[in-house]
Amino acid sequence: MSANENRAVHRLVTYVSDDVADAVKGVRQFTGAASAASIVRQAIEFHLDVGLGIRNAEDL
């Protein structure tokens, strides 16, 4: 991967990580669930699997 591609991937992962952190905070505030991270993880896995057809890292 080129340096530009590495920077682009890093920016994307940082952006997505920030969104996931916000989602966990939102779920925790809305539900009071201590397992908010688990709820968000399941939602992301469902979206990747069903919405995008990505079932494992090799599919990326």
N, C-alpha and C. Protein backbone atom coordinates (compact mmCIF):
# COMPACT_ATOMS: atom_id res chain seq x y z
N MET A 1 0.84 -1.16 0.00
CA MET A 1 0.00 0.00 0.00
C MET A 1 0.90 1.24 0.00
N SER A 2 0.50 2.23 -0.78
CA SER A 2 1.29 3.45 -0.84
C SER A 2 1.08 4.29 0.42
N ALA A 3 1.92 5.28 0.59
CA ALA A 3 1.80 6.18 1.75
C ALA A 3 0.45 6.90 1.73
N ASN A 4 0.02 7.32 0.55
CA ASN A 4 -1.28 8.00 0.44
C ASN A 4 -2.43 7.07 0.80
N GLU A 5 -2.34 5.82 0.36
CA GLU A 5 -3.38 4.85 0.70
C GLU A 5 -3.39 4.58 2.20
N ASN A 6 -2.22 4.47 2.80
CA ASN A 6 -2.13 4.27 4.25
C ASN A 6 -2.78 5.42 5.00
N ARG A 7 -2.51 6.65 4.57
CA ARG A 7 -3.11 7.82 5.23
C ARG A 7 -4.62 7.82 5.06
N ALA A 8 -5.09 7.46 3.87
CA ALA A 8 -6.53 7.43 3.62
C ALA A 8 -7.21 6.39 4.49
N VAL A 9 -6.61 5.21 4.60
CA VAL A 9 -7.18 4.15 5.45
C VAL A 9 -7.18 4.60 6.90
N HIS A 10 -6.10 5.21 7.36
CA HIS A 10 -6.02 5.69 8.74
C HIS A 10 -7.12 6.72 9.01
N ARG A 11 -7.33 7.65 8.09
CA ARG A 11 -8.39 8.66 8.27
C ARG A 11 -9.76 8.00 8.33
N LEU A 12 -9.99 7.03 7.45
CA LEU A 12 -11.27 6.34 7.43
C LEU A 12 -11.51 5.59 8.73
N VAL A 13 -10.51 4.85 9.20
CA VAL A 13 -10.66 4.09 10.44
C VAL A 13 -10.89 5.03 11.61
N THR A 14 -10.17 6.15 11.65
CA THR A 14 -10.37 7.13 12.72
C THR A 14 -11.79 7.68 12.67
N TYR A 15 -12.27 8.01 11.49
CA TYR A 15 -13.62 8.54 11.31
C TYR A 15 -14.66 7.52 11.77
N VAL A 16 -14.51 6.28 11.34
CA VAL A 16 -15.45 5.22 11.72
C VAL A 16 -15.38 4.97 13.22
N SER A 17 -14.18 4.96 13.78
CA SER A 17 -14.02 4.73 15.22
C SER A 17 -14.74 5.80 16.02
N ASP A 18 -14.63 7.05 15.59
CA ASP A 18 -15.33 8.14 16.27
C ASP A 18 -16.84 7.93 16.21
N ASP A 19 -17.35 7.51 15.04
CA ASP A 19 -18.78 7.26 14.90
C ASP A 19 -19.23 6.10 15.77
N VAL A 20 -18.42 5.05 15.86
CA VAL A 20 -18.77 3.90 16.70
C VAL A 20 -18.79 4.32 18.16
N ALA A 21 -17.81 5.11 18.58
CA ALA A 21 -17.78 5.59 19.97
C ALA A 21 -19.03 6.42 20.26
N ASP A 22 -19.43 7.28 19.33
CA ASP A 22 -20.65 8.07 19.51
C ASP A 22 -21.88 7.17 19.58
N ALA A 23 -21.90 6.12 18.75
CA ALA A 23 -23.03 5.19 18.77
C ALA A 23 -23.13 4.47 20.10
N VAL A 24 -22.00 4.05 20.64
CA VAL A 24 -21.99 3.37 21.95
C VAL A 24 -22.52 4.32 23.02
N LYS A 25 -22.07 5.57 23.01
CA LYS A 25 -22.55 6.55 23.99
C LYS A 25 -24.05 6.75 23.85
N GLY A 26 -24.53 6.86 22.61
CA GLY A 26 -25.96 7.05 22.38
C GLY A 26 -26.79 5.88 22.86
N VAL A 27 -26.34 4.66 22.55
CA VAL A 27 -27.07 3.47 23.00
C VAL A 27 -27.09 3.41 24.51
N ARG A 28 -25.95 3.70 25.13
CA ARG A 28 -25.87 3.65 26.59
C ARG A 28 -26.82 4.67 27.21
N GLN A 29 -26.88 5.89 26.66
CA GLN A 29 -27.77 6.92 27.20
C GLN A 29 -29.23 6.53 26.99
N PHE A 30 -29.54 5.97 25.83
CA PHE A 30 -30.93 5.64 25.50
C PHE A 30 -31.43 4.44 26.28
N THR A 31 -30.59 3.42 26.42
CA THR A 31 -31.04 2.17 27.04
C THR A 31 -30.56 1.99 28.47
N GLY A 32 -29.50 2.73 28.82
CA GLY A 32 -28.89 2.52 30.12
C GLY A 32 -28.13 1.21 30.19
N ALA A 33 -27.94 0.58 29.03
CA ALA A 33 -27.32 -0.74 28.99
C ALA A 33 -25.82 -0.66 29.21
N ALA A 34 -25.34 -1.49 30.11
CA ALA A 34 -23.90 -1.60 30.30
C ALA A 34 -23.27 -2.30 29.11
N SER A 35 -24.10 -3.03 28.36
CA SER A 35 -23.61 -3.79 27.21
C SER A 35 -23.77 -3.01 25.90
N ALA A 36 -23.71 -1.68 25.97
CA ALA A 36 -23.92 -0.86 24.78
C ALA A 36 -22.93 -1.20 23.68
N ALA A 37 -21.68 -1.45 24.03
CA ALA A 37 -20.68 -1.79 23.02
C ALA A 37 -21.06 -3.08 22.30
N SER A 38 -21.59 -4.03 23.05
CA SER A 38 -22.01 -5.30 22.45
C SER A 38 -23.18 -5.08 21.49
N ILE A 39 -24.12 -4.23 21.87
CA ILE A 39 -25.26 -3.93 21.02
C ILE A 39 -24.79 -3.29 19.71
N VAL A 40 -23.89 -2.32 19.81
CA VAL A 40 -23.36 -1.65 18.62
C VAL A 40 -22.56 -2.64 17.77
N ARG A 41 -21.76 -3.48 18.39
CA ARG A 41 -20.97 -4.48 17.66
C ARG A 41 -21.89 -5.40 16.86
N GLN A 42 -22.97 -5.86 17.49
CA GLN A 42 -23.90 -6.75 16.80
C GLN A 42 -24.55 -6.04 15.62
N ALA A 43 -24.89 -4.76 15.80
CA ALA A 43 -25.49 -3.99 14.71
C ALA A 43 -24.52 -3.84 13.54
N ILE A 44 -23.25 -3.57 13.85
CA ILE A 44 -22.24 -3.43 12.80
C ILE A 44 -22.04 -4.76 12.09
N GLU A 45 -21.94 -5.85 12.85
CA GLU A 45 -21.76 -7.17 12.24
C GLU A 45 -22.94 -7.52 11.35
N PHE A 46 -24.16 -7.19 11.81
CA PHE A 46 -25.35 -7.46 11.01
C PHE A 46 -25.29 -6.67 9.70
N HIS A 47 -24.92 -5.39 9.80
CA HIS A 47 -24.86 -4.55 8.60
C HIS A 47 -23.82 -5.07 7.62
N LEU A 48 -22.65 -5.44 8.13
CA LEU A 48 -21.60 -5.97 7.25
C LEU A 48 -22.05 -7.27 6.59
N ASP A 49 -22.66 -8.15 7.39
CA ASP A 49 -23.05 -9.46 6.90
C ASP A 49 -24.23 -9.37 5.94
N VAL A 50 -25.32 -8.76 6.38
CA VAL A 50 -26.54 -8.74 5.59
C VAL A 50 -26.53 -7.60 4.57
N GLY A 51 -26.15 -6.41 5.02
CA GLY A 51 -26.20 -5.25 4.13
C GLY A 51 -25.14 -5.26 3.06
N LEU A 52 -23.94 -5.69 3.40
CA LEU A 52 -22.83 -5.63 2.45
C LEU A 52 -22.33 -7.00 2.00
N GLY A 53 -22.82 -8.05 2.61
CA GLY A 53 -22.39 -9.39 2.24
C GLY A 53 -20.97 -9.73 2.68
N ILE A 54 -20.47 -9.02 3.70
CA ILE A 54 -19.12 -9.27 4.20
C ILE A 54 -19.23 -10.14 5.44
N ARG A 55 -18.72 -11.35 5.35
CA ARG A 55 -18.84 -12.27 6.47
C ARG A 55 -17.54 -12.46 7.23
N ASN A 56 -16.43 -12.12 6.63
CA ASN A 56 -15.15 -12.25 7.32
C ASN A 56 -14.14 -11.29 6.69
N ALA A 57 -13.00 -11.15 7.32
CA ALA A 57 -12.01 -10.17 6.88
C ALA A 57 -11.53 -10.43 5.45
N GLU A 58 -11.53 -11.69 5.03
CA GLU A 58 -11.07 -12.01 3.68
C GLU A 58 -12.00 -11.42 2.62
N ASP A 59 -13.26 -11.16 2.99
CA ASP A 59 -14.21 -10.59 2.03
C ASP A 59 -14.01 -9.09 1.82
N LEU A 60 -13.21 -8.47 2.68
CA LEU A 60 -13.02 -7.02 2.56
C LEU A 60 -12.21 -6.65 1.39
